[in-house]
Amino acid sequence: MNRRAVFLAALALPACSVLPDRPYQQTQRFILAPERPPGSRPPAKRGPVLLLRTMRAAPGLDQRGLRVLGPRDDVTVDFWNEWTAPPADLVEEALRRWLLASGRFSAVTAPGSRLRSELVLEAELTRLQAEPVAGIARASLSALLLASGNAGDSRVLGQFLADGTAPLPGGPRADGKVAAADAAAAMSAALGDALAKLEAALAGAIGRR
């Protein structure tokens, strides 16, 4: 029995020696919550009720890791630095708060609400990434605005593509590297730019209905 134990221990030694000696790296989590410019208004008492459906995510944007576009136009996902929740969920909540603060709607509801909605907004997060070579962060949303009819039918009021950008600290970097905190802050600012453009497009479509 002693010889068997020694033999098994000897076999285990090489296996242990090939394990990589990696230092522990703690995951950092960032909040995606763009700040609306000053001048928010309370909900309009007589404004329409807007139903914001569940935000969809384009392929690759269902992961929490921060996305960075490299020098060769290859996107890498940093799994050690991530958002506090899937980005589409955070963008949906940010869009709901943003539109409610616009003062154009009496309420901005979610699926399952008992409030009858006059308008329906479907949206998809199509881009959210830092681009160090260009020195910017970019956020893009596609959206479809519908008007609900009394008979349950609906008609399209407009289709929109909102593309927002924000500068990265330090400007363009040829090596394609950026600090995670700087990338997250710039992406949040870029999302704010996209939300502002989407709000303006919605206002125009609603005014023409």
N, C-alpha and C. Protein backbone atom coordinates (compact mmCIF):
# COMPACT_ATOMS: atom_id res chain seq x y z
N MET A 1 0.83 -1.21 0.00
CA MET A 1 0.00 0.00 0.00
C MET A 1 0.86 1.26 0.00
N ASN A 2 2.02 1.20 0.74
CA ASN A 2 2.88 2.38 0.80
C ASN A 2 3.49 2.67 -0.56
N ARG A 3 3.91 1.60 -1.28
CA ARG A 3 4.49 1.79 -2.61
C ARG A 3 3.46 2.40 -3.57
N ARG A 4 2.21 1.95 -3.46
CA ARG A 4 1.15 2.49 -4.33
C ARG A 4 0.92 3.97 -4.07
N ALA A 5 0.93 4.34 -2.79
CA ALA A 5 0.72 5.76 -2.44
C ALA A 5 1.85 6.62 -2.98
N VAL A 6 3.09 6.14 -2.87
CA VAL A 6 4.24 6.91 -3.37
C VAL A 6 4.15 7.05 -4.88
N PHE A 7 3.76 5.96 -5.57
CA PHE A 7 3.65 5.98 -7.03
C PHE A 7 2.60 6.99 -7.49
N LEU A 8 1.43 7.03 -6.83
CA LEU A 8 0.37 7.97 -7.20
C LEU A 8 0.79 9.41 -6.93
N ALA A 9 1.52 9.61 -5.84
CA ALA A 9 1.99 10.96 -5.53
C ALA A 9 2.99 11.45 -6.57
N ALA A 10 3.83 10.54 -7.06
CA ALA A 10 4.80 10.92 -8.08
C ALA A 10 4.12 11.29 -9.39
N LEU A 11 3.04 10.59 -9.73
CA LEU A 11 2.30 10.92 -10.94
C LEU A 11 1.63 12.29 -10.84
N ALA A 12 1.24 12.66 -9.66
CA ALA A 12 0.52 13.93 -9.47
C ALA A 12 1.44 15.14 -9.58
N LEU A 13 2.73 14.98 -9.29
CA LEU A 13 3.64 16.12 -9.28
C LEU A 13 3.76 16.81 -10.63
N PRO A 14 3.99 16.08 -11.74
CA PRO A 14 4.08 16.77 -13.03
C PRO A 14 2.81 17.51 -13.39
N ALA A 15 1.66 16.92 -13.05
CA ALA A 15 0.39 17.57 -13.37
C ALA A 15 0.27 18.90 -12.66
N CYS A 16 0.74 18.96 -11.43
CA CYS A 16 0.65 20.22 -10.68
C CYS A 16 1.60 21.26 -11.25
N SER A 17 2.72 20.83 -11.79
CA SER A 17 3.74 21.77 -12.25
C SER A 17 3.32 22.51 -13.52
N VAL A 18 2.36 21.94 -14.29
CA VAL A 18 1.99 22.59 -15.54
C VAL A 18 0.87 23.61 -15.35
N LEU A 19 0.30 23.72 -14.16
CA LEU A 19 -0.76 24.70 -13.92
C LEU A 19 -0.18 26.11 -13.98
N PRO A 20 -0.82 27.03 -14.70
CA PRO A 20 -0.28 28.39 -14.81
C PRO A 20 -0.33 29.12 -13.47
N ASP A 21 0.69 29.88 -13.24
CA ASP A 21 0.78 30.66 -12.01
C ASP A 21 0.24 32.06 -12.28
N ARG A 22 -1.09 32.20 -12.23
CA ARG A 22 -1.72 33.47 -12.56
C ARG A 22 -2.14 34.19 -11.29
N PRO A 23 -1.81 35.46 -11.19
CA PRO A 23 -2.25 36.23 -10.02
C PRO A 23 -3.76 36.44 -10.07
N TYR A 24 -4.37 36.54 -8.94
CA TYR A 24 -5.82 36.77 -8.87
C TYR A 24 -6.14 38.16 -9.40
N GLN A 25 -7.14 38.25 -10.26
CA GLN A 25 -7.57 39.52 -10.83
C GLN A 25 -9.03 39.75 -10.47
N GLN A 26 -9.28 40.81 -9.73
CA GLN A 26 -10.63 41.09 -9.28
C GLN A 26 -11.43 41.74 -10.40
N THR A 27 -12.68 41.33 -10.55
CA THR A 27 -13.56 41.88 -11.57
C THR A 27 -14.07 43.26 -11.15
N GLN A 28 -13.99 44.20 -12.06
CA GLN A 28 -14.54 45.54 -11.82
C GLN A 28 -15.89 45.64 -12.54
N ARG A 29 -16.85 46.26 -11.88
CA ARG A 29 -18.17 46.42 -12.47
C ARG A 29 -18.52 47.91 -12.55
N PHE A 30 -19.12 48.28 -13.66
CA PHE A 30 -19.40 49.69 -13.93
C PHE A 30 -20.89 49.90 -14.18
N ILE A 31 -21.36 51.08 -13.80
CA ILE A 31 -22.76 51.45 -13.97
C ILE A 31 -22.92 52.15 -15.32
N LEU A 32 -23.93 51.76 -16.07
CA LEU A 32 -24.25 52.40 -17.34
C LEU A 32 -25.49 53.24 -17.14
N ALA A 33 -25.29 54.49 -16.77
CA ALA A 33 -26.41 55.37 -16.44
C ALA A 33 -26.07 56.79 -16.89
N PRO A 34 -26.32 57.12 -18.15
CA PRO A 34 -25.99 58.46 -18.66
C PRO A 34 -26.80 59.54 -17.96
N GLU A 35 -26.17 60.69 -17.76
CA GLU A 35 -26.83 61.81 -17.11
C GLU A 35 -27.53 62.67 -18.16
N ARG A 36 -28.78 62.93 -17.89
CA ARG A 36 -29.54 63.79 -18.79
C ARG A 36 -29.13 65.24 -18.53
N PRO A 37 -28.99 66.06 -19.59
CA PRO A 37 -28.64 67.47 -19.40
C PRO A 37 -29.66 68.16 -18.50
N PRO A 38 -29.27 69.23 -17.82
CA PRO A 38 -30.20 69.96 -16.96
C PRO A 38 -31.42 70.42 -17.74
N GLY A 39 -32.55 70.48 -17.03
CA GLY A 39 -33.78 70.93 -17.67
C GLY A 39 -34.83 69.85 -17.78
N SER A 40 -34.71 68.81 -16.96
CA SER A 40 -35.72 67.76 -16.98
C SER A 40 -37.06 68.32 -16.54
N ARG A 41 -38.12 67.78 -17.12
CA ARG A 41 -39.47 68.24 -16.79
C ARG A 41 -40.27 67.09 -16.19
N PRO A 42 -41.27 67.40 -15.36
CA PRO A 42 -42.11 66.34 -14.79
C PRO A 42 -42.97 65.70 -15.88
N PRO A 43 -43.48 64.51 -15.63
CA PRO A 43 -44.35 63.85 -16.62
C PRO A 43 -45.54 64.73 -17.00
N ALA A 44 -45.86 64.74 -18.28
CA ALA A 44 -46.98 65.54 -18.76
C ALA A 44 -48.31 64.90 -18.33
N LYS A 45 -49.15 65.65 -17.63
CA LYS A 45 -50.41 65.09 -17.12
C LYS A 45 -51.33 64.65 -18.26
N ARG A 46 -51.30 65.35 -19.35
CA ARG A 46 -52.17 65.03 -20.48
C ARG A 46 -51.40 64.43 -21.65
N GLY A 47 -50.17 64.05 -21.41
CA GLY A 47 -49.37 63.48 -22.48
C GLY A 47 -49.74 62.03 -22.74
N PRO A 48 -49.30 61.48 -23.86
CA PRO A 48 -49.61 60.08 -24.17
C PRO A 48 -48.85 59.12 -23.27
N VAL A 49 -49.38 57.93 -23.12
CA VAL A 49 -48.69 56.86 -22.40
C VAL A 49 -47.86 56.07 -23.42
N LEU A 50 -46.59 55.92 -23.13
CA LEU A 50 -45.68 55.21 -24.02
C LEU A 50 -45.32 53.86 -23.42
N LEU A 51 -45.53 52.80 -24.18
CA LEU A 51 -45.10 51.48 -23.76
C LEU A 51 -43.73 51.20 -24.37
N LEU A 52 -42.72 51.02 -23.53
CA LEU A 52 -41.39 50.66 -23.99
C LEU A 52 -41.22 49.15 -23.84
N ARG A 53 -41.18 48.47 -24.96
CA ARG A 53 -41.04 47.02 -24.92
C ARG A 53 -39.61 46.62 -24.53
N THR A 54 -39.44 45.36 -24.17
CA THR A 54 -38.15 44.86 -23.72
C THR A 54 -37.08 45.11 -24.78
N MET A 55 -35.98 45.72 -24.34
CA MET A 55 -34.90 46.06 -25.26
C MET A 55 -34.22 44.80 -25.78
N ARG A 56 -34.04 44.75 -27.09
CA ARG A 56 -33.30 43.65 -27.70
C ARG A 56 -31.81 44.01 -27.79
N ALA A 57 -30.98 42.99 -27.95
CA ALA A 57 -29.54 43.20 -28.06
C ALA A 57 -29.03 42.55 -29.32
N ALA A 58 -28.23 43.26 -30.09
CA ALA A 58 -27.60 42.69 -31.28
C ALA A 58 -26.61 41.61 -30.86
N PRO A 59 -26.26 40.71 -31.76
CA PRO A 59 -25.31 39.64 -31.41
C PRO A 59 -24.04 40.18 -30.77
N GLY A 60 -23.65 39.57 -29.66
CA GLY A 60 -22.45 39.97 -28.95
C GLY A 60 -22.69 40.99 -27.85
N LEU A 61 -23.85 41.66 -27.91
CA LEU A 61 -24.14 42.69 -26.92
C LEU A 61 -24.97 42.16 -25.75
N ASP A 62 -25.09 40.84 -25.67
CA ASP A 62 -25.76 40.23 -24.53
C ASP A 62 -24.79 39.87 -23.42
N GLN A 63 -23.50 40.18 -23.61
CA GLN A 63 -22.48 39.90 -22.61
C GLN A 63 -22.18 41.15 -21.79
N ARG A 64 -21.81 40.95 -20.53
CA ARG A 64 -21.57 42.08 -19.65
C ARG A 64 -20.20 42.74 -19.85
N GLY A 65 -19.26 42.00 -20.39
CA GLY A 65 -17.91 42.52 -20.53
C GLY A 65 -17.84 43.76 -21.41
N LEU A 66 -16.94 44.70 -21.06
CA LEU A 66 -16.77 45.91 -21.87
C LEU A 66 -16.19 45.54 -23.23
N ARG A 67 -16.72 46.14 -24.28
CA ARG A 67 -16.28 45.85 -25.64
C ARG A 67 -15.34 46.96 -26.13
N VAL A 68 -14.22 46.53 -26.72
CA VAL A 68 -13.21 47.48 -27.22
C VAL A 68 -12.85 47.09 -28.65
N LEU A 69 -12.91 48.07 -29.56
CA LEU A 69 -12.53 47.85 -30.95
C LEU A 69 -11.03 48.06 -31.09
N GLY A 70 -10.31 47.02 -31.54
CA GLY A 70 -8.87 47.07 -31.64
C GLY A 70 -8.37 47.71 -32.92
N PRO A 71 -7.03 47.83 -33.06
CA PRO A 71 -6.44 48.47 -34.24
C PRO A 71 -6.76 47.76 -35.55
N ARG A 72 -7.04 46.47 -35.49
CA ARG A 72 -7.35 45.71 -36.70
C ARG A 72 -8.86 45.50 -36.87
N ASP A 73 -9.64 46.37 -36.26
CA ASP A 73 -11.10 46.30 -36.33
C ASP A 73 -11.66 45.01 -35.75
N ASP A 74 -10.94 44.45 -34.79
CA ASP A 74 -11.42 43.26 -34.10
C ASP A 74 -11.93 43.68 -32.72
N VAL A 75 -13.11 43.20 -32.37
CA VAL A 75 -13.72 43.56 -31.10
C VAL A 75 -13.34 42.54 -30.04
N THR A 76 -12.82 43.02 -28.93
CA THR A 76 -12.51 42.15 -27.80
C THR A 76 -13.45 42.48 -26.65
N VAL A 77 -13.76 41.47 -25.86
CA VAL A 77 -14.63 41.64 -24.71
C VAL A 77 -13.80 41.42 -23.45
N ASP A 78 -13.77 42.43 -22.60
CA ASP A 78 -12.98 42.37 -21.37
C ASP A 78 -13.84 41.77 -20.26
N PHE A 79 -13.60 40.50 -19.96
CA PHE A 79 -14.43 39.82 -18.97
C PHE A 79 -14.05 40.19 -17.53
N TRP A 80 -12.93 40.84 -17.34
CA TRP A 80 -12.53 41.28 -16.01
C TRP A 80 -13.13 42.64 -15.67
N ASN A 81 -13.65 43.32 -16.69
CA ASN A 81 -14.29 44.62 -16.50
C ASN A 81 -15.64 44.56 -17.18
N GLU A 82 -16.70 44.68 -16.42
CA GLU A 82 -18.03 44.43 -16.97
C GLU A 82 -19.05 45.40 -16.40
N TRP A 83 -20.20 45.43 -17.06
CA TRP A 83 -21.33 46.23 -16.57
C TRP A 83 -22.01 45.49 -15.42
N THR A 84 -22.77 46.22 -14.64
CA THR A 84 -23.43 45.63 -13.48
C THR A 84 -24.57 44.68 -13.88
N ALA A 85 -25.00 44.76 -15.12
CA ALA A 85 -26.07 43.90 -15.65
C ALA A 85 -25.88 43.82 -17.15
N PRO A 86 -26.57 42.91 -17.84
CA PRO A 86 -26.48 42.90 -19.30
C PRO A 86 -26.77 44.29 -19.86
N PRO A 87 -25.94 44.76 -20.80
CA PRO A 87 -26.08 46.15 -21.26
C PRO A 87 -27.46 46.50 -21.81
N ALA A 88 -28.12 45.58 -22.47
CA ALA A 88 -29.46 45.89 -23.00
C ALA A 88 -30.44 46.21 -21.88
N ASP A 89 -30.32 45.50 -20.76
CA ASP A 89 -31.19 45.78 -19.61
C ASP A 89 -30.92 47.18 -19.06
N LEU A 90 -29.64 47.55 -18.97
CA LEU A 90 -29.28 48.86 -18.45
C LEU A 90 -29.71 49.97 -19.40
N VAL A 91 -29.57 49.73 -20.70
CA VAL A 91 -29.97 50.74 -21.69
C VAL A 91 -31.49 50.92 -21.67
N GLU A 92 -32.22 49.83 -21.53
CA GLU A 92 -33.68 49.93 -21.45
C GLU A 92 -34.11 50.80 -20.27
N GLU A 93 -33.52 50.57 -19.11
CA GLU A 93 -33.88 51.36 -17.94
C GLU A 93 -33.47 52.82 -18.13
N ALA A 94 -32.29 53.05 -18.72
CA ALA A 94 -31.84 54.42 -18.97
C ALA A 94 -32.77 55.13 -19.95
N LEU A 95 -33.22 54.42 -20.98
CA LEU A 95 -34.12 55.02 -21.96
C LEU A 95 -35.47 55.34 -21.32
N ARG A 96 -35.97 54.46 -20.47
CA ARG A 96 -37.25 54.71 -19.80
C ARG A 96 -37.17 55.97 -18.93
N ARG A 97 -36.11 56.08 -18.14
CA ARG A 97 -35.96 57.26 -17.28
C ARG A 97 -35.76 58.52 -18.11
N TRP A 98 -35.01 58.40 -19.19
CA TRP A 98 -34.71 59.54 -20.05
C TRP A 98 -35.99 60.10 -20.68
N LEU A 99 -36.81 59.22 -21.22
CA LEU A 99 -38.04 59.67 -21.89
C LEU A 99 -39.06 60.20 -20.89
N LEU A 100 -39.13 59.60 -19.71
CA LEU A 100 -40.05 60.10 -18.70
C LEU A 100 -39.65 61.50 -18.26
N ALA A 101 -38.34 61.75 -18.17
CA ALA A 101 -37.85 63.07 -17.75
C ALA A 101 -37.98 64.12 -18.86
N SER A 102 -38.35 63.69 -20.07
CA SER A 102 -38.50 64.64 -21.17
C SER A 102 -39.74 65.50 -21.01
N GLY A 103 -40.72 65.03 -20.21
CA GLY A 103 -41.95 65.77 -20.03
C GLY A 103 -42.93 65.61 -21.17
N ARG A 104 -42.65 64.71 -22.11
CA ARG A 104 -43.52 64.53 -23.27
C ARG A 104 -44.60 63.47 -23.03
N PHE A 105 -44.41 62.64 -22.01
CA PHE A 105 -45.31 61.51 -21.78
C PHE A 105 -45.86 61.56 -20.35
N SER A 106 -47.08 61.08 -20.20
CA SER A 106 -47.64 61.00 -18.85
C SER A 106 -47.07 59.79 -18.10
N ALA A 107 -46.64 58.78 -18.86
CA ALA A 107 -46.02 57.59 -18.26
C ALA A 107 -45.26 56.85 -19.34
N VAL A 108 -44.19 56.18 -18.92
CA VAL A 108 -43.43 55.30 -19.81
C VAL A 108 -43.45 53.93 -19.14
N THR A 109 -44.24 53.03 -19.68
CA THR A 109 -44.51 51.77 -19.00
C THR A 109 -43.69 50.62 -19.59
N ALA A 110 -43.76 49.48 -18.90
CA ALA A 110 -43.09 48.26 -19.31
C ALA A 110 -44.14 47.21 -19.67
N PRO A 111 -43.77 46.16 -20.41
CA PRO A 111 -44.72 45.10 -20.72
C PRO A 111 -45.36 44.54 -19.45
N GLY A 112 -46.66 44.32 -19.50
CA GLY A 112 -47.40 43.84 -18.33
C GLY A 112 -48.13 44.93 -17.59
N SER A 113 -47.87 46.19 -17.93
CA SER A 113 -48.56 47.30 -17.27
C SER A 113 -50.04 47.31 -17.63
N ARG A 114 -50.87 47.72 -16.69
CA ARG A 114 -52.31 47.80 -16.94
C ARG A 114 -52.72 49.11 -17.59
N LEU A 115 -51.81 50.05 -17.66
CA LEU A 115 -52.13 51.31 -18.32
C LEU A 115 -52.25 51.10 -19.82
N ARG A 116 -53.25 51.69 -20.40
CA ARG A 116 -53.44 51.59 -21.85
C ARG A 116 -52.46 52.55 -22.53
N SER A 117 -51.68 52.02 -23.44
CA SER A 117 -50.66 52.84 -24.11
C SER A 117 -51.16 53.31 -25.47
N GLU A 118 -50.92 54.57 -25.76
CA GLU A 118 -51.25 55.13 -27.06
C GLU A 118 -50.10 54.96 -28.05
N LEU A 119 -48.88 54.86 -27.50
CA LEU A 119 -47.68 54.72 -28.32
C LEU A 119 -46.88 53.53 -27.83
N VAL A 120 -46.21 52.86 -28.75
CA VAL A 120 -45.36 51.71 -28.43
C VAL A 120 -44.00 51.93 -29.07
N LEU A 121 -42.96 51.71 -28.28
CA LEU A 121 -41.60 51.87 -28.78
C LEU A 121 -40.86 50.54 -28.66
N GLU A 122 -40.37 50.05 -29.80
CA GLU A 122 -39.52 48.87 -29.82
C GLU A 122 -38.10 49.32 -30.15
N ALA A 123 -37.13 48.83 -29.40
CA ALA A 123 -35.77 49.30 -29.59
C ALA A 123 -34.77 48.15 -29.47
N GLU A 124 -33.63 48.34 -30.12
CA GLU A 124 -32.55 47.36 -30.08
C GLU A 124 -31.22 48.08 -29.88
N LEU A 125 -30.42 47.55 -29.00
CA LEU A 125 -29.06 48.06 -28.80
C LEU A 125 -28.17 47.43 -29.86
N THR A 126 -27.65 48.23 -30.77
CA THR A 126 -26.87 47.70 -31.89
C THR A 126 -25.37 47.90 -31.74
N ARG A 127 -24.96 48.84 -30.87
CA ARG A 127 -23.53 49.05 -30.67
C ARG A 127 -23.29 49.72 -29.33
N LEU A 128 -22.26 49.26 -28.64
CA LEU A 128 -21.81 49.89 -27.40
C LEU A 128 -20.37 49.46 -27.20
N GLN A 129 -19.44 50.34 -27.57
CA GLN A 129 -18.04 49.96 -27.52
C GLN A 129 -17.14 51.19 -27.46
N ALA A 130 -15.92 50.94 -26.99
CA ALA A 130 -14.87 51.96 -27.00
C ALA A 130 -14.00 51.73 -28.23
N GLU A 131 -13.58 52.82 -28.86
CA GLU A 131 -12.73 52.75 -30.06
C GLU A 131 -11.50 53.61 -29.84
N PRO A 132 -10.49 53.07 -29.13
CA PRO A 132 -9.31 53.87 -28.75
C PRO A 132 -8.54 54.44 -29.95
N VAL A 133 -8.46 53.70 -31.05
CA VAL A 133 -7.72 54.20 -32.21
C VAL A 133 -8.35 55.50 -32.72
N ALA A 134 -9.68 55.55 -32.72
CA ALA A 134 -10.38 56.77 -33.15
C ALA A 134 -10.51 57.78 -32.01
N GLY A 135 -10.26 57.34 -30.78
CA GLY A 135 -10.36 58.24 -29.63
C GLY A 135 -11.77 58.52 -29.19
N ILE A 136 -12.71 57.61 -29.49
CA ILE A 136 -14.10 57.83 -29.13
C ILE A 136 -14.72 56.55 -28.57
N ALA A 137 -15.88 56.72 -27.94
CA ALA A 137 -16.77 55.61 -27.61
C ALA A 137 -18.04 55.81 -28.42
N ARG A 138 -18.71 54.71 -28.74
CA ARG A 138 -19.87 54.80 -29.60
C ARG A 138 -21.01 53.95 -29.05
N ALA A 139 -22.22 54.48 -29.14
CA ALA A 139 -23.43 53.75 -28.74
C ALA A 139 -24.48 53.98 -29.82
N SER A 140 -25.14 52.90 -30.23
CA SER A 140 -26.14 53.02 -31.30
C SER A 140 -27.39 52.25 -30.92
N LEU A 141 -28.54 52.84 -31.28
CA LEU A 141 -29.84 52.24 -31.04
C LEU A 141 -30.66 52.30 -32.32
N SER A 142 -31.40 51.24 -32.60
CA SER A 142 -32.41 51.30 -33.65
C SER A 142 -33.76 51.20 -32.96
N ALA A 143 -34.75 51.90 -33.49
CA ALA A 143 -36.05 51.96 -32.81
C ALA A 143 -37.18 52.04 -33.82
N LEU A 144 -38.34 51.55 -33.39
CA LEU A 144 -39.56 51.58 -34.18
C LEU A 144 -40.67 52.12 -33.29
N LEU A 145 -41.33 53.20 -33.73
CA LEU A 145 -42.42 53.82 -32.97
C LEU A 145 -43.74 53.48 -33.62
N LEU A 146 -44.67 52.95 -32.81
CA LEU A 146 -45.98 52.55 -33.29
C LEU A 146 -47.07 53.32 -32.55
N ALA A 147 -48.18 53.57 -33.24
CA ALA A 147 -49.36 54.17 -32.63
C ALA A 147 -50.40 53.08 -32.47
N SER A 148 -50.92 52.92 -31.25
CA SER A 148 -51.91 51.87 -30.98
C SER A 148 -53.30 52.38 -31.33
N GLY A 149 -54.08 51.55 -32.03
CA GLY A 149 -55.44 51.90 -32.38
C GLY A 149 -56.44 51.36 -31.38
N ASN A 150 -57.67 51.85 -31.44
CA ASN A 150 -58.72 51.40 -30.52
C ASN A 150 -59.08 49.93 -30.72
N ALA A 151 -58.89 49.44 -31.94
CA ALA A 151 -59.25 48.06 -32.25
C ALA A 151 -58.10 47.10 -32.01
N GLY A 152 -57.03 47.61 -31.42
CA GLY A 152 -55.88 46.75 -31.15
C GLY A 152 -54.87 46.72 -32.28
N ASP A 153 -55.18 47.41 -33.37
CA ASP A 153 -54.23 47.47 -34.48
C ASP A 153 -53.21 48.57 -34.21
N SER A 154 -52.20 48.65 -35.04
CA SER A 154 -51.16 49.67 -34.86
C SER A 154 -50.63 50.10 -36.21
N ARG A 155 -50.08 51.30 -36.24
CA ARG A 155 -49.47 51.79 -37.47
C ARG A 155 -48.10 52.38 -37.14
N VAL A 156 -47.20 52.29 -38.08
CA VAL A 156 -45.83 52.75 -37.87
C VAL A 156 -45.76 54.27 -38.01
N LEU A 157 -45.22 54.91 -36.98
CA LEU A 157 -45.03 56.36 -37.03
C LEU A 157 -43.61 56.74 -37.46
N GLY A 158 -42.68 55.82 -37.28
CA GLY A 158 -41.32 56.13 -37.69
C GLY A 158 -40.33 55.05 -37.30
N GLN A 159 -39.25 54.95 -38.07
CA GLN A 159 -38.12 54.09 -37.77
C GLN A 159 -36.89 54.97 -37.62
N PHE A 160 -36.08 54.67 -36.62
CA PHE A 160 -34.99 55.57 -36.28
C PHE A 160 -33.70 54.79 -36.02
N LEU A 161 -32.58 55.46 -36.28
CA LEU A 161 -31.26 54.96 -35.91
C LEU A 161 -30.53 56.11 -35.22
N ALA A 162 -30.27 55.94 -33.95
CA ALA A 162 -29.60 56.98 -33.15
C ALA A 162 -28.19 56.53 -32.85
N ASP A 163 -27.21 57.28 -33.32
CA ASP A 163 -25.79 56.94 -33.15
C ASP A 163 -25.15 58.03 -32.31
N GLY A 164 -24.70 57.67 -31.11
CA GLY A 164 -24.08 58.65 -30.21
C GLY A 164 -22.59 58.38 -30.03
N THR A 165 -21.83 59.45 -29.82
CA THR A 165 -20.40 59.33 -29.61
C THR A 165 -19.97 60.20 -28.44
N ALA A 166 -18.81 59.88 -27.89
CA ALA A 166 -18.21 60.69 -26.82
C ALA A 166 -16.70 60.47 -26.87
N PRO A 167 -15.90 61.49 -26.56
CA PRO A 167 -14.45 61.34 -26.64
C PRO A 167 -13.89 60.50 -25.50
N LEU A 168 -12.85 59.76 -25.81
CA LEU A 168 -12.10 59.03 -24.79
C LEU A 168 -11.00 59.94 -24.24
N PRO A 169 -10.72 59.90 -22.94
CA PRO A 169 -9.65 60.72 -22.38
C PRO A 169 -8.31 60.38 -23.05
N GLY A 170 -7.55 61.41 -23.35
CA GLY A 170 -6.24 61.19 -23.96
C GLY A 170 -6.25 61.15 -25.47
N GLY A 171 -7.44 61.18 -26.09
CA GLY A 171 -7.51 61.19 -27.54
C GLY A 171 -7.19 59.85 -28.16
N PRO A 172 -6.96 59.83 -29.48
CA PRO A 172 -6.69 58.58 -30.20
C PRO A 172 -5.43 57.88 -29.68
N ARG A 173 -5.49 56.55 -29.66
CA ARG A 173 -4.36 55.72 -29.24
C ARG A 173 -4.09 54.67 -30.30
N ALA A 174 -2.91 54.74 -30.91
CA ALA A 174 -2.58 53.80 -31.98
C ALA A 174 -2.50 52.36 -31.50
N ASP A 175 -2.15 52.18 -30.21
CA ASP A 175 -2.03 50.81 -29.68
C ASP A 175 -3.37 50.19 -29.34
N GLY A 176 -4.45 50.98 -29.40
CA GLY A 176 -5.77 50.44 -29.16
C GLY A 176 -6.07 50.14 -27.71
N LYS A 177 -5.31 50.69 -26.78
CA LYS A 177 -5.51 50.40 -25.37
C LYS A 177 -6.21 51.57 -24.68
N VAL A 178 -7.02 51.23 -23.69
CA VAL A 178 -7.73 52.25 -22.93
C VAL A 178 -8.04 51.70 -21.54
N ALA A 179 -7.99 52.56 -20.54
CA ALA A 179 -8.32 52.14 -19.18
C ALA A 179 -9.80 51.81 -19.10
N ALA A 180 -10.13 50.77 -18.35
CA ALA A 180 -11.51 50.32 -18.27
C ALA A 180 -12.44 51.40 -17.76
N ALA A 181 -12.02 52.12 -16.74
CA ALA A 181 -12.87 53.18 -16.18
C ALA A 181 -13.13 54.28 -17.20
N ASP A 182 -12.11 54.64 -17.98
CA ASP A 182 -12.28 55.67 -19.01
C ASP A 182 -13.22 55.17 -20.11
N ALA A 183 -13.07 53.90 -20.48
CA ALA A 183 -13.93 53.34 -21.53
C ALA A 183 -15.38 53.31 -21.07
N ALA A 184 -15.63 52.88 -19.84
CA ALA A 184 -17.00 52.80 -19.32
C ALA A 184 -17.64 54.18 -19.24
N ALA A 185 -16.90 55.17 -18.76
CA ALA A 185 -17.45 56.52 -18.64
C ALA A 185 -17.76 57.11 -20.01
N ALA A 186 -16.89 56.87 -20.99
CA ALA A 186 -17.12 57.40 -22.33
C ALA A 186 -18.30 56.70 -23.00
N MET A 187 -18.45 55.39 -22.79
CA MET A 187 -19.59 54.67 -23.37
C MET A 187 -20.90 55.16 -22.76
N SER A 188 -20.90 55.47 -21.48
CA SER A 188 -22.10 55.99 -20.84
C SER A 188 -22.46 57.35 -21.43
N ALA A 189 -21.43 58.19 -21.66
CA ALA A 189 -21.68 59.50 -22.27
C ALA A 189 -22.17 59.36 -23.71
N ALA A 190 -21.61 58.40 -24.43
CA ALA A 190 -22.05 58.16 -25.81
C ALA A 190 -23.51 57.70 -25.83
N LEU A 191 -23.88 56.89 -24.87
CA LEU A 191 -25.28 56.47 -24.78
C LEU A 191 -26.19 57.66 -24.53
N GLY A 192 -25.76 58.58 -23.68
CA GLY A 192 -26.55 59.78 -23.45
C GLY A 192 -26.75 60.58 -24.73
N ASP A 193 -25.71 60.65 -25.56
CA ASP A 193 -25.81 61.34 -26.84
C ASP A 193 -26.82 60.64 -27.75
N ALA A 194 -26.78 59.31 -27.76
CA ALA A 194 -27.72 58.55 -28.59
C ALA A 194 -29.16 58.73 -28.09
N LEU A 195 -29.35 58.73 -26.78
CA LEU A 195 -30.69 58.89 -26.22
C LEU A 195 -31.26 60.27 -26.54
N ALA A 196 -30.42 61.29 -26.51
CA ALA A 196 -30.87 62.64 -26.85
C ALA A 196 -31.32 62.71 -28.31
N LYS A 197 -30.58 62.07 -29.19
CA LYS A 197 -30.94 62.07 -30.61
C LYS A 197 -32.22 61.27 -30.85
N LEU A 198 -32.36 60.16 -30.13
CA LEU A 198 -33.58 59.38 -30.28
C LEU A 198 -34.79 60.15 -29.76
N GLU A 199 -34.62 60.84 -28.65
CA GLU A 199 -35.73 61.65 -28.10
C GLU A 199 -36.17 62.70 -29.11
N ALA A 200 -35.22 63.37 -29.75
CA ALA A 200 -35.57 64.40 -30.74
C ALA A 200 -36.30 63.80 -31.93
N ALA A 201 -35.86 62.60 -32.36
CA ALA A 201 -36.53 61.95 -33.49
C ALA A 201 -37.95 61.53 -33.12
N LEU A 202 -38.14 61.03 -31.90
CA LEU A 202 -39.47 60.65 -31.46
C LEU A 202 -40.39 61.85 -31.38
N ALA A 203 -39.85 62.96 -30.88
CA ALA A 203 -40.68 64.17 -30.76
C ALA A 203 -41.19 64.62 -32.13
N GLY A 204 -40.31 64.54 -33.13
CA GLY A 204 -40.72 64.93 -34.47
C GLY A 204 -41.81 64.02 -35.04
N ALA A 205 -41.65 62.71 -34.82
CA ALA A 205 -42.63 61.75 -35.33
C ALA A 205 -43.97 61.88 -34.62
N ILE A 206 -43.93 62.12 -33.31
CA ILE A 206 -45.18 62.26 -32.56
C ILE A 206 -45.91 63.54 -32.95
N GLY A 207 -45.13 64.59 -33.21
CA GLY A 207 -45.74 65.86 -33.61
C GLY A 207 -46.42 65.78 -34.96
N ARG A 208 -46.00 64.86 -35.82
CA ARG A 208 -46.58 64.74 -37.17
C ARG A 208 -47.74 63.77 -37.25
N ARG A 209 -48.01 63.05 -36.16
CA ARG A 209 -49.05 62.01 -36.24
C ARG A 209 -50.46 62.59 -36.35
